Amino acid sequence: MPDPMSLVTYFDFGPSFAASATPELRAWAAPIGSAGGKAEVTLLTEVGRPERLAVVETWTDAERLNAHQVSRAPLAPQTAAGLAAEPDQRVGEAFSVGAAQPAEAQAVYVLVHVDVVPFNLDAVGEWLRAQADAARSAPGGLRYDVWRQVGRPNHFTVIQVWSDPAAYAHHVESAATRAFRANVLTVKGALYDERLYRRVDCAAVAP
């Protein structure tokens, strides 16, 4: 059975382009929801930074993801002109992926980039899996997936969804999260990058 893949695309627009960029990205993301092998697509906007958006995708296998990447239409020229930087794409292989629960409008979406030095990765994997298990059983935990970046085995993308801000706060302040962060601090390769988002558009499609 093929392994699922993730694709997270980060968009950073100039602040004055935030309002016009969001509808364009909704249209840019929507067609992939009906593509074969597509399991999920979510358009997010960063809390407090509406000019920063992210599209989170899950695919059933690498072949279909790669084929779609080749055929995907570029952004409209007027939207691309508003980018402060080129979109940043992170392709991930499933590392610790669980079942997701439905999310309401008040849900908190969190994207975390974990960059560690390329040593003792077995221990890092144990920390990541233990943290994922604890988060999935925590109150208000709707999704907690860990993806290893393709070609960069010491880089991980963590996709989280919490039912509301209180559930997210409880997770951050929990003993499990504090222990996880303390462990990662000993091997970090870059600043622990955690960003909060709200959902703009979401579609679930059968593989």
N, C-alpha and C. Protein backbone atom coordinates (compact mmCIF):
# COMPACT_ATOMS: atom_id res chain seq x y z
N MET A 1 0.85 -1.20 0.00
CA MET A 1 0.00 0.00 0.00
C MET A 1 0.88 1.24 0.00
N PRO A 2 0.61 2.22 -0.89
CA PRO A 2 1.44 3.42 -0.96
C PRO A 2 1.39 4.22 0.34
N ASP A 3 2.49 4.91 0.61
CA ASP A 3 2.55 5.75 1.80
C ASP A 3 1.99 7.13 1.49
N PRO A 4 1.20 7.71 2.41
CA PRO A 4 0.66 9.05 2.17
C PRO A 4 1.77 10.10 2.21
N MET A 5 1.51 11.21 1.54
CA MET A 5 2.45 12.32 1.47
C MET A 5 1.72 13.61 1.85
N SER A 6 2.49 14.56 2.36
CA SER A 6 1.92 15.88 2.64
C SER A 6 2.65 16.93 1.83
N LEU A 7 1.96 18.01 1.56
CA LEU A 7 2.56 19.18 0.92
C LEU A 7 2.02 20.41 1.62
N VAL A 8 2.92 21.18 2.21
CA VAL A 8 2.55 22.45 2.83
C VAL A 8 3.21 23.56 2.05
N THR A 9 2.42 24.50 1.54
CA THR A 9 2.93 25.63 0.77
C THR A 9 2.66 26.90 1.55
N TYR A 10 3.73 27.64 1.86
CA TYR A 10 3.63 28.88 2.61
C TYR A 10 3.70 30.06 1.63
N PHE A 11 2.75 30.99 1.78
CA PHE A 11 2.71 32.18 0.94
C PHE A 11 2.88 33.41 1.83
N ASP A 12 3.79 34.28 1.43
CA ASP A 12 4.06 35.51 2.17
C ASP A 12 3.85 36.68 1.23
N PHE A 13 2.72 37.40 1.41
CA PHE A 13 2.38 38.52 0.55
C PHE A 13 2.72 39.84 1.24
N GLY A 14 2.84 40.89 0.46
CA GLY A 14 2.94 42.21 1.04
C GLY A 14 1.65 42.51 1.79
N PRO A 15 1.70 43.24 2.92
CA PRO A 15 0.50 43.47 3.73
C PRO A 15 -0.67 44.06 2.96
N SER A 16 -0.42 44.91 1.98
CA SER A 16 -1.52 45.54 1.24
C SER A 16 -2.19 44.58 0.27
N PHE A 17 -1.61 43.39 0.07
CA PHE A 17 -2.18 42.41 -0.86
C PHE A 17 -2.98 41.32 -0.14
N ALA A 18 -3.06 41.38 1.19
CA ALA A 18 -3.70 40.30 1.94
C ALA A 18 -5.14 40.06 1.52
N ALA A 19 -5.92 41.12 1.38
CA ALA A 19 -7.34 40.97 1.07
C ALA A 19 -7.57 40.36 -0.31
N SER A 20 -6.76 40.75 -1.29
CA SER A 20 -6.96 40.23 -2.64
C SER A 20 -6.34 38.86 -2.82
N ALA A 21 -5.33 38.53 -2.04
CA ALA A 21 -4.64 37.25 -2.20
C ALA A 21 -5.49 36.08 -1.71
N THR A 22 -6.26 36.28 -0.65
CA THR A 22 -7.01 35.17 -0.07
C THR A 22 -8.01 34.55 -1.04
N PRO A 23 -8.85 35.32 -1.72
CA PRO A 23 -9.76 34.69 -2.69
C PRO A 23 -9.02 33.96 -3.81
N GLU A 24 -7.91 34.53 -4.25
CA GLU A 24 -7.14 33.88 -5.32
C GLU A 24 -6.59 32.54 -4.86
N LEU A 25 -6.08 32.48 -3.63
CA LEU A 25 -5.55 31.22 -3.13
C LEU A 25 -6.65 30.20 -2.90
N ARG A 26 -7.84 30.66 -2.52
CA ARG A 26 -8.95 29.74 -2.38
C ARG A 26 -9.24 29.07 -3.73
N ALA A 27 -9.23 29.86 -4.78
CA ALA A 27 -9.46 29.31 -6.12
C ALA A 27 -8.29 28.44 -6.56
N TRP A 28 -7.08 28.83 -6.21
CA TRP A 28 -5.88 28.07 -6.58
C TRP A 28 -5.88 26.69 -5.92
N ALA A 29 -6.35 26.63 -4.68
CA ALA A 29 -6.34 25.38 -3.94
C ALA A 29 -7.53 24.49 -4.27
N ALA A 30 -8.67 25.09 -4.54
CA ALA A 30 -9.92 24.32 -4.67
C ALA A 30 -9.89 23.22 -5.71
N PRO A 31 -9.35 23.43 -6.94
CA PRO A 31 -9.41 22.37 -7.95
C PRO A 31 -8.72 21.08 -7.53
N ILE A 32 -7.70 21.17 -6.68
CA ILE A 32 -6.99 19.95 -6.32
C ILE A 32 -7.83 19.06 -5.42
N GLY A 33 -8.91 19.62 -4.85
CA GLY A 33 -9.75 18.83 -3.97
C GLY A 33 -10.45 17.69 -4.68
N SER A 34 -10.60 17.80 -5.99
CA SER A 34 -11.27 16.74 -6.74
C SER A 34 -10.29 15.86 -7.51
N ALA A 35 -8.99 16.12 -7.33
CA ALA A 35 -8.00 15.33 -8.06
C ALA A 35 -7.88 13.93 -7.48
N GLY A 36 -7.63 12.94 -8.34
CA GLY A 36 -7.45 11.59 -7.87
C GLY A 36 -6.28 11.48 -6.92
N GLY A 37 -6.47 10.76 -5.83
CA GLY A 37 -5.41 10.60 -4.86
C GLY A 37 -5.33 11.69 -3.83
N LYS A 38 -6.24 12.67 -3.93
CA LYS A 38 -6.22 13.80 -3.02
C LYS A 38 -7.12 13.50 -1.83
N ALA A 39 -6.60 13.59 -0.63
CA ALA A 39 -7.38 13.27 0.55
C ALA A 39 -7.90 14.51 1.27
N GLU A 40 -7.14 15.63 1.22
CA GLU A 40 -7.53 16.79 2.02
C GLU A 40 -6.80 18.02 1.54
N VAL A 41 -7.47 19.17 1.60
CA VAL A 41 -6.82 20.45 1.34
C VAL A 41 -7.40 21.48 2.29
N THR A 42 -6.54 22.26 2.93
CA THR A 42 -6.98 23.28 3.86
C THR A 42 -6.22 24.57 3.57
N LEU A 43 -6.95 25.65 3.43
CA LEU A 43 -6.34 26.97 3.26
C LEU A 43 -6.38 27.68 4.61
N LEU A 44 -5.22 28.17 5.04
CA LEU A 44 -5.08 28.79 6.36
C LEU A 44 -4.52 30.20 6.23
N THR A 45 -4.89 31.05 7.18
CA THR A 45 -4.29 32.37 7.29
C THR A 45 -3.70 32.52 8.68
N GLU A 46 -2.50 33.06 8.76
CA GLU A 46 -1.81 33.15 10.05
C GLU A 46 -2.51 34.15 10.97
N VAL A 47 -2.65 33.79 12.22
CA VAL A 47 -3.29 34.65 13.20
C VAL A 47 -2.45 35.91 13.39
N GLY A 48 -3.08 37.07 13.20
CA GLY A 48 -2.38 38.34 13.36
C GLY A 48 -1.56 38.76 12.17
N ARG A 49 -1.42 37.90 11.18
CA ARG A 49 -0.64 38.21 9.97
C ARG A 49 -1.42 37.73 8.75
N PRO A 50 -2.50 38.41 8.37
CA PRO A 50 -3.36 37.91 7.28
C PRO A 50 -2.68 37.85 5.93
N GLU A 51 -1.51 38.50 5.81
CA GLU A 51 -0.79 38.43 4.54
C GLU A 51 0.01 37.14 4.40
N ARG A 52 0.07 36.36 5.48
CA ARG A 52 0.74 35.07 5.44
C ARG A 52 -0.30 33.97 5.40
N LEU A 53 -0.26 33.16 4.35
CA LEU A 53 -1.22 32.08 4.19
C LEU A 53 -0.48 30.77 3.95
N ALA A 54 -1.18 29.68 4.17
CA ALA A 54 -0.59 28.36 3.94
C ALA A 54 -1.66 27.43 3.39
N VAL A 55 -1.27 26.59 2.47
CA VAL A 55 -2.15 25.54 1.94
C VAL A 55 -1.59 24.20 2.37
N VAL A 56 -2.39 23.44 3.11
CA VAL A 56 -1.99 22.13 3.62
C VAL A 56 -2.70 21.06 2.80
N GLU A 57 -1.94 20.15 2.21
CA GLU A 57 -2.51 19.08 1.39
C GLU A 57 -2.03 17.72 1.88
N THR A 58 -2.87 16.73 1.72
CA THR A 58 -2.48 15.35 1.98
C THR A 58 -2.81 14.52 0.73
N TRP A 59 -1.84 13.74 0.29
CA TRP A 59 -2.01 12.89 -0.89
C TRP A 59 -1.82 11.44 -0.50
N THR A 60 -2.45 10.55 -1.28
CA THR A 60 -2.36 9.13 -0.96
C THR A 60 -1.01 8.53 -1.30
N ASP A 61 -0.28 9.14 -2.25
CA ASP A 61 1.03 8.59 -2.63
C ASP A 61 1.85 9.64 -3.36
N ALA A 62 3.15 9.39 -3.45
CA ALA A 62 4.08 10.34 -4.04
C ALA A 62 3.85 10.52 -5.54
N GLU A 63 3.50 9.45 -6.23
CA GLU A 63 3.32 9.53 -7.68
C GLU A 63 2.23 10.54 -8.05
N ARG A 64 1.10 10.47 -7.34
CA ARG A 64 0.01 11.40 -7.66
C ARG A 64 0.35 12.83 -7.23
N LEU A 65 1.04 12.97 -6.13
CA LEU A 65 1.47 14.30 -5.72
C LEU A 65 2.39 14.90 -6.76
N ASN A 66 3.39 14.15 -7.20
CA ASN A 66 4.33 14.67 -8.17
C ASN A 66 3.66 15.02 -9.50
N ALA A 67 2.73 14.17 -9.93
CA ALA A 67 2.03 14.44 -11.19
C ALA A 67 1.22 15.72 -11.09
N HIS A 68 0.61 15.93 -9.95
CA HIS A 68 -0.19 17.14 -9.81
C HIS A 68 0.68 18.39 -9.71
N GLN A 69 1.83 18.26 -9.08
CA GLN A 69 2.73 19.39 -9.00
C GLN A 69 3.16 19.86 -10.38
N VAL A 70 3.38 18.90 -11.28
CA VAL A 70 3.80 19.24 -12.64
C VAL A 70 2.69 19.94 -13.41
N SER A 71 1.45 19.50 -13.19
CA SER A 71 0.34 20.02 -13.98
C SER A 71 -0.35 21.23 -13.36
N ARG A 72 -0.01 21.58 -12.16
CA ARG A 72 -0.72 22.64 -11.46
C ARG A 72 -0.47 24.01 -12.11
N ALA A 73 -1.53 24.79 -12.24
CA ALA A 73 -1.43 26.12 -12.85
C ALA A 73 -0.75 27.08 -11.88
N PRO A 74 0.04 28.02 -12.39
CA PRO A 74 0.67 29.01 -11.52
C PRO A 74 -0.36 30.03 -11.01
N LEU A 75 0.04 30.81 -10.05
CA LEU A 75 -0.82 31.89 -9.57
C LEU A 75 -1.04 32.91 -10.68
N ALA A 76 -2.17 33.57 -10.63
CA ALA A 76 -2.42 34.65 -11.59
C ALA A 76 -1.34 35.72 -11.46
N PRO A 77 -0.93 36.35 -12.57
CA PRO A 77 0.16 37.34 -12.52
C PRO A 77 -0.07 38.45 -11.51
N GLN A 78 -1.30 38.95 -11.40
CA GLN A 78 -1.56 40.05 -10.48
C GLN A 78 -1.41 39.62 -9.02
N THR A 79 -1.66 38.34 -8.75
CA THR A 79 -1.47 37.83 -7.39
C THR A 79 0.00 37.55 -7.12
N ALA A 80 0.68 36.95 -8.07
CA ALA A 80 2.10 36.67 -7.91
C ALA A 80 2.89 37.96 -7.69
N ALA A 81 2.43 39.06 -8.29
CA ALA A 81 3.12 40.34 -8.14
C ALA A 81 3.07 40.84 -6.70
N GLY A 82 2.11 40.36 -5.91
CA GLY A 82 1.99 40.80 -4.53
C GLY A 82 2.80 39.99 -3.55
N LEU A 83 3.49 38.94 -4.01
CA LEU A 83 4.30 38.11 -3.12
C LEU A 83 5.52 38.87 -2.62
N ALA A 84 5.78 38.79 -1.32
CA ALA A 84 6.99 39.37 -0.76
C ALA A 84 8.18 38.45 -0.97
N ALA A 85 7.91 37.17 -1.19
CA ALA A 85 8.94 36.17 -1.46
C ALA A 85 8.29 35.02 -2.21
N GLU A 86 9.09 34.20 -2.83
CA GLU A 86 8.55 33.05 -3.53
C GLU A 86 7.90 32.09 -2.54
N PRO A 87 6.83 31.39 -2.95
CA PRO A 87 6.21 30.40 -2.05
C PRO A 87 7.22 29.35 -1.61
N ASP A 88 7.09 28.93 -0.37
CA ASP A 88 7.99 27.94 0.22
C ASP A 88 7.21 26.64 0.37
N GLN A 89 7.65 25.58 -0.31
CA GLN A 89 6.94 24.31 -0.27
C GLN A 89 7.74 23.26 0.49
N ARG A 90 7.03 22.52 1.35
CA ARG A 90 7.63 21.44 2.12
C ARG A 90 6.87 20.15 1.84
N VAL A 91 7.54 19.18 1.25
CA VAL A 91 6.96 17.88 0.96
C VAL A 91 7.35 16.93 2.08
N GLY A 92 6.38 16.20 2.62
CA GLY A 92 6.66 15.34 3.75
C GLY A 92 6.20 13.91 3.55
N GLU A 93 6.97 12.98 4.11
CA GLU A 93 6.59 11.58 4.19
C GLU A 93 5.98 11.32 5.57
N ALA A 94 4.98 10.45 5.62
CA ALA A 94 4.32 10.17 6.89
C ALA A 94 5.32 9.62 7.90
N PHE A 95 5.37 10.23 9.08
CA PHE A 95 6.25 9.77 10.15
C PHE A 95 5.42 9.29 11.34
N SER A 96 4.44 10.07 11.74
CA SER A 96 3.48 9.67 12.77
C SER A 96 2.18 10.38 12.47
N VAL A 97 1.29 9.67 11.80
CA VAL A 97 0.04 10.27 11.32
C VAL A 97 -1.14 9.51 11.91
N GLY A 98 -2.07 10.24 12.51
CA GLY A 98 -3.24 9.64 13.13
C GLY A 98 -4.52 10.09 12.47
N ALA A 99 -5.63 9.62 12.99
CA ALA A 99 -6.94 10.00 12.47
C ALA A 99 -7.27 11.43 12.89
N ALA A 100 -7.88 12.19 11.99
CA ALA A 100 -8.28 13.57 12.27
C ALA A 100 -9.77 13.62 12.58
N GLN A 101 -10.14 14.51 13.48
CA GLN A 101 -11.54 14.73 13.82
C GLN A 101 -12.02 16.03 13.19
N PRO A 102 -13.33 16.15 12.95
CA PRO A 102 -13.86 17.39 12.35
C PRO A 102 -13.56 18.60 13.22
N ALA A 103 -13.32 19.73 12.57
CA ALA A 103 -12.99 20.97 13.27
C ALA A 103 -14.06 22.03 13.00
N GLU A 104 -14.41 22.78 14.04
CA GLU A 104 -15.35 23.88 13.91
C GLU A 104 -14.60 25.18 13.61
N ALA A 105 -15.36 26.26 13.42
CA ALA A 105 -14.77 27.52 13.00
C ALA A 105 -13.77 28.07 14.00
N GLN A 106 -13.96 27.80 15.30
CA GLN A 106 -13.07 28.36 16.31
C GLN A 106 -11.79 27.55 16.50
N ALA A 107 -11.61 26.50 15.73
CA ALA A 107 -10.44 25.64 15.89
C ALA A 107 -9.14 26.41 15.64
N VAL A 108 -8.10 26.01 16.36
CA VAL A 108 -6.77 26.59 16.20
C VAL A 108 -5.91 25.61 15.40
N TYR A 109 -5.38 26.08 14.29
CA TYR A 109 -4.48 25.28 13.46
C TYR A 109 -3.05 25.71 13.76
N VAL A 110 -2.16 24.76 13.86
CA VAL A 110 -0.78 25.05 14.21
C VAL A 110 0.14 24.31 13.24
N LEU A 111 1.08 25.04 12.67
CA LEU A 111 2.10 24.44 11.83
C LEU A 111 3.45 24.67 12.51
N VAL A 112 4.17 23.59 12.73
CA VAL A 112 5.45 23.66 13.43
C VAL A 112 6.53 23.07 12.53
N HIS A 113 7.64 23.79 12.40
CA HIS A 113 8.80 23.25 11.70
C HIS A 113 9.86 22.92 12.74
N VAL A 114 10.21 21.64 12.83
CA VAL A 114 11.21 21.18 13.78
C VAL A 114 12.47 20.84 13.01
N ASP A 115 13.53 21.58 13.28
CA ASP A 115 14.82 21.41 12.61
C ASP A 115 15.84 21.01 13.67
N VAL A 116 16.37 19.80 13.56
CA VAL A 116 17.35 19.32 14.55
C VAL A 116 18.66 19.01 13.84
N VAL A 117 19.74 18.98 14.62
CA VAL A 117 21.02 18.59 14.03
C VAL A 117 20.93 17.12 13.61
N PRO A 118 21.60 16.75 12.52
CA PRO A 118 21.41 15.39 11.96
C PRO A 118 22.17 14.31 12.71
N PHE A 119 22.00 14.27 14.01
CA PHE A 119 22.61 13.25 14.84
C PHE A 119 21.54 12.71 15.80
N ASN A 120 21.69 11.47 16.20
CA ASN A 120 20.79 10.88 17.19
C ASN A 120 19.33 11.00 16.76
N LEU A 121 19.06 10.76 15.48
CA LEU A 121 17.71 10.92 14.96
C LEU A 121 16.76 9.87 15.51
N ASP A 122 17.28 8.73 15.96
CA ASP A 122 16.41 7.73 16.58
C ASP A 122 15.76 8.28 17.84
N ALA A 123 16.53 8.98 18.66
CA ALA A 123 15.99 9.59 19.86
C ALA A 123 14.99 10.68 19.52
N VAL A 124 15.30 11.48 18.51
CA VAL A 124 14.38 12.54 18.08
C VAL A 124 13.06 11.92 17.62
N GLY A 125 13.14 10.83 16.88
CA GLY A 125 11.93 10.15 16.45
C GLY A 125 11.09 9.67 17.61
N GLU A 126 11.73 9.14 18.64
CA GLU A 126 11.00 8.69 19.83
C GLU A 126 10.31 9.86 20.51
N TRP A 127 10.98 11.01 20.60
CA TRP A 127 10.37 12.19 21.23
C TRP A 127 9.15 12.65 20.43
N LEU A 128 9.31 12.68 19.11
CA LEU A 128 8.21 13.14 18.26
C LEU A 128 7.00 12.21 18.37
N ARG A 129 7.24 10.91 18.35
CA ARG A 129 6.13 9.96 18.43
C ARG A 129 5.45 10.01 19.80
N ALA A 130 6.24 10.13 20.86
CA ALA A 130 5.66 10.22 22.19
C ALA A 130 4.81 11.48 22.34
N GLN A 131 5.31 12.58 21.80
CA GLN A 131 4.55 13.82 21.86
C GLN A 131 3.26 13.72 21.05
N ALA A 132 3.33 13.07 19.90
CA ALA A 132 2.13 12.89 19.07
C ALA A 132 1.09 12.05 19.80
N ASP A 133 1.51 10.98 20.43
CA ASP A 133 0.58 10.12 21.18
C ASP A 133 -0.09 10.90 22.31
N ALA A 134 0.70 11.69 23.04
CA ALA A 134 0.14 12.47 24.15
C ALA A 134 -0.83 13.52 23.64
N ALA A 135 -0.50 14.19 22.54
CA ALA A 135 -1.35 15.24 22.02
C ALA A 135 -2.68 14.70 21.49
N ARG A 136 -2.63 13.53 20.85
CA ARG A 136 -3.87 12.97 20.29
C ARG A 136 -4.87 12.59 21.37
N SER A 137 -4.39 12.28 22.56
CA SER A 137 -5.30 11.91 23.64
C SER A 137 -5.62 13.09 24.56
N ALA A 138 -5.08 14.26 24.26
CA ALA A 138 -5.31 15.44 25.09
C ALA A 138 -6.69 16.02 24.82
N PRO A 139 -7.29 16.69 25.81
CA PRO A 139 -8.60 17.33 25.59
C PRO A 139 -8.54 18.34 24.46
N GLY A 140 -9.47 18.21 23.53
CA GLY A 140 -9.54 19.16 22.43
C GLY A 140 -8.57 18.91 21.30
N GLY A 141 -7.82 17.81 21.37
CA GLY A 141 -6.90 17.50 20.28
C GLY A 141 -7.62 16.86 19.11
N LEU A 142 -7.67 17.53 17.98
CA LEU A 142 -8.40 17.04 16.81
C LEU A 142 -7.49 16.43 15.76
N ARG A 143 -6.25 16.86 15.74
CA ARG A 143 -5.30 16.31 14.76
C ARG A 143 -3.89 16.60 15.23
N TYR A 144 -3.01 15.62 15.06
CA TYR A 144 -1.60 15.83 15.37
C TYR A 144 -0.81 14.88 14.48
N ASP A 145 -0.24 15.42 13.41
CA ASP A 145 0.49 14.62 12.44
C ASP A 145 1.93 15.11 12.32
N VAL A 146 2.84 14.17 12.24
CA VAL A 146 4.26 14.49 12.06
C VAL A 146 4.69 13.95 10.70
N TRP A 147 5.28 14.83 9.89
CA TRP A 147 5.76 14.46 8.56
C TRP A 147 7.25 14.77 8.47
N ARG A 148 8.03 13.84 7.93
CA ARG A 148 9.47 14.05 7.74
C ARG A 148 9.68 14.62 6.34
N GLN A 149 10.44 15.70 6.26
CA GLN A 149 10.64 16.37 4.99
C GLN A 149 11.45 15.50 4.04
N VAL A 150 10.98 15.35 2.83
CA VAL A 150 11.66 14.53 1.83
C VAL A 150 13.02 15.15 1.51
N GLY A 151 14.06 14.32 1.59
CA GLY A 151 15.41 14.77 1.28
C GLY A 151 16.12 15.46 2.43
N ARG A 152 15.41 15.69 3.53
CA ARG A 152 16.02 16.36 4.70
C ARG A 152 15.51 15.64 5.95
N PRO A 153 16.08 14.48 6.27
CA PRO A 153 15.55 13.64 7.33
C PRO A 153 15.63 14.21 8.73
N ASN A 154 16.31 15.34 8.89
CA ASN A 154 16.37 15.99 10.20
C ASN A 154 15.42 17.19 10.30
N HIS A 155 14.52 17.30 9.33
CA HIS A 155 13.51 18.36 9.33
C HIS A 155 12.12 17.71 9.36
N PHE A 156 11.25 18.24 10.20
CA PHE A 156 9.91 17.68 10.36
C PHE A 156 8.88 18.81 10.34
N THR A 157 7.72 18.51 9.76
CA THR A 157 6.57 19.40 9.81
C THR A 157 5.51 18.75 10.69
N VAL A 158 5.06 19.48 11.71
CA VAL A 158 4.02 18.99 12.59
C VAL A 158 2.75 19.80 12.32
N ILE A 159 1.68 19.10 11.98
CA ILE A 159 0.39 19.73 11.69
C ILE A 159 -0.55 19.40 12.84
N GLN A 160 -1.01 20.44 13.53
CA GLN A 160 -1.89 20.27 14.68
C GLN A 160 -3.21 21.00 14.45
N VAL A 161 -4.29 20.44 15.02
CA VAL A 161 -5.57 21.14 15.08
C VAL A 161 -6.14 20.96 16.48
N TRP A 162 -6.50 22.09 17.11
CA TRP A 162 -7.08 22.08 18.45
C TRP A 162 -8.47 22.67 18.40
N SER A 163 -9.36 22.17 19.22
CA SER A 163 -10.77 22.55 19.15
C SER A 163 -11.00 24.03 19.39
N ASP A 164 -10.16 24.65 20.22
CA ASP A 164 -10.31 26.07 20.54
C ASP A 164 -9.03 26.57 21.19
N PRO A 165 -8.89 27.88 21.41
CA PRO A 165 -7.66 28.40 22.02
C PRO A 165 -7.35 27.80 23.39
N ALA A 166 -8.36 27.50 24.18
CA ALA A 166 -8.11 26.93 25.51
C ALA A 166 -7.46 25.56 25.41
N ALA A 167 -7.91 24.74 24.46
CA ALA A 167 -7.32 23.41 24.28
C ALA A 167 -5.87 23.54 23.83
N TYR A 168 -5.61 24.49 22.95
CA TYR A 168 -4.22 24.71 22.51
C TYR A 168 -3.35 25.15 23.68
N ALA A 169 -3.85 26.07 24.49
CA ALA A 169 -3.08 26.55 25.64
C ALA A 169 -2.78 25.41 26.62
N HIS A 170 -3.76 24.55 26.84
CA HIS A 170 -3.56 23.41 27.74
C HIS A 170 -2.45 22.51 27.21
N HIS A 171 -2.44 22.30 25.91
CA HIS A 171 -1.40 21.47 25.29
C HIS A 171 -0.02 22.10 25.47
N VAL A 172 0.10 23.39 25.19
CA VAL A 172 1.40 24.05 25.28
C VAL A 172 1.95 24.00 26.70
N GLU A 173 1.06 24.10 27.69
CA GLU A 173 1.49 24.17 29.09
C GLU A 173 1.59 22.80 29.76
N SER A 174 1.28 21.74 29.03
CA SER A 174 1.29 20.41 29.61
C SER A 174 2.71 19.93 29.90
N ALA A 175 2.84 18.99 30.82
CA ALA A 175 4.14 18.44 31.16
C ALA A 175 4.78 17.74 29.96
N ALA A 176 3.95 17.05 29.15
CA ALA A 176 4.48 16.34 27.98
C ALA A 176 5.10 17.30 26.99
N THR A 177 4.43 18.42 26.73
CA THR A 177 4.97 19.39 25.78
C THR A 177 6.22 20.06 26.32
N ARG A 178 6.22 20.38 27.60
CA ARG A 178 7.41 20.99 28.19
C ARG A 178 8.61 20.05 28.09
N ALA A 179 8.39 18.76 28.34
CA ALA A 179 9.48 17.79 28.24
C ALA A 179 9.95 17.65 26.80
N PHE A 180 9.01 17.63 25.87
CA PHE A 180 9.37 17.53 24.45
C PHE A 180 10.21 18.73 24.02
N ARG A 181 9.77 19.93 24.37
CA ARG A 181 10.51 21.13 23.98
C ARG A 181 11.90 21.14 24.62
N ALA A 182 12.00 20.68 25.85
CA ALA A 182 13.31 20.64 26.51
C ALA A 182 14.26 19.68 25.79
N ASN A 183 13.74 18.54 25.34
CA ASN A 183 14.57 17.59 24.60
C ASN A 183 15.02 18.17 23.26
N VAL A 184 14.07 18.78 22.53
CA VAL A 184 14.40 19.33 21.22
C VAL A 184 15.44 20.45 21.34
N LEU A 185 15.36 21.20 22.42
CA LEU A 185 16.30 22.30 22.62
C LEU A 185 17.74 21.81 22.64
N THR A 186 17.95 20.58 23.08
CA THR A 186 19.32 20.06 23.17
C THR A 186 19.91 19.69 21.82
N VAL A 187 19.07 19.55 20.80
CA VAL A 187 19.56 19.14 19.48
C VAL A 187 19.06 20.05 18.36
N LYS A 188 18.50 21.18 18.70
CA LYS A 188 17.90 22.03 17.67
C LYS A 188 18.94 22.53 16.68
N GLY A 189 18.51 22.57 15.40
CA GLY A 189 19.37 23.10 14.36
C GLY A 189 18.99 24.52 13.99
N ALA A 190 17.79 24.95 14.38
CA ALA A 190 17.30 26.30 14.12
C ALA A 190 16.21 26.60 15.13
N LEU A 191 15.77 27.84 15.14
CA LEU A 191 14.72 28.27 16.05
C LEU A 191 13.48 27.40 15.87
N TYR A 192 12.89 26.97 16.98
CA TYR A 192 11.66 26.19 16.95
C TYR A 192 10.56 27.08 16.38
N ASP A 193 10.06 26.76 15.20
CA ASP A 193 9.15 27.63 14.45
C ASP A 193 7.72 27.11 14.56
N GLU A 194 6.92 27.78 15.38
CA GLU A 194 5.51 27.39 15.58
C GLU A 194 4.63 28.58 15.22
N ARG A 195 3.68 28.36 14.31
CA ARG A 195 2.80 29.44 13.86
C ARG A 195 1.34 29.01 13.99
N LEU A 196 0.51 29.95 14.43
CA LEU A 196 -0.92 29.68 14.62
C LEU A 196 -1.71 30.24 13.45
N TYR A 197 -2.73 29.47 13.05
CA TYR A 197 -3.55 29.84 11.90
C TYR A 197 -5.03 29.64 12.21
N ARG A 198 -5.85 30.24 11.38
CA ARG A 198 -7.27 29.93 11.36
C ARG A 198 -7.62 29.45 9.96
N ARG A 199 -8.64 28.65 9.87
CA ARG A 199 -9.03 28.08 8.58
C ARG A 199 -9.78 29.09 7.73
N VAL A 200 -9.40 29.17 6.48
CA VAL A 200 -10.13 29.99 5.51
C VAL A 200 -11.07 29.12 4.72
N ASP A 201 -10.58 27.97 4.29
CA ASP A 201 -11.38 27.07 3.47
C ASP A 201 -10.87 25.67 3.68
N CYS A 202 -11.77 24.71 3.71
CA CYS A 202 -11.37 23.33 3.96
C CYS A 202 -12.26 22.40 3.16
N ALA A 203 -11.67 21.35 2.59
CA ALA A 203 -12.45 20.36 1.86
C ALA A 203 -11.87 18.98 2.12
N ALA A 204 -12.72 18.03 2.38
CA ALA A 204 -12.29 16.66 2.56
C ALA A 204 -12.78 15.84 1.37
N VAL A 205 -11.89 15.09 0.75
CA VAL A 205 -12.22 14.35 -0.45
C VAL A 205 -11.72 12.92 -0.29
N ALA A 206 -12.53 11.96 -0.66
CA ALA A 206 -12.12 10.57 -0.55
C ALA A 206 -10.97 10.29 -1.49
N PRO A 207 -9.99 9.50 -1.06
CA PRO A 207 -8.85 9.16 -1.92
C PRO A 207 -9.31 8.44 -3.19
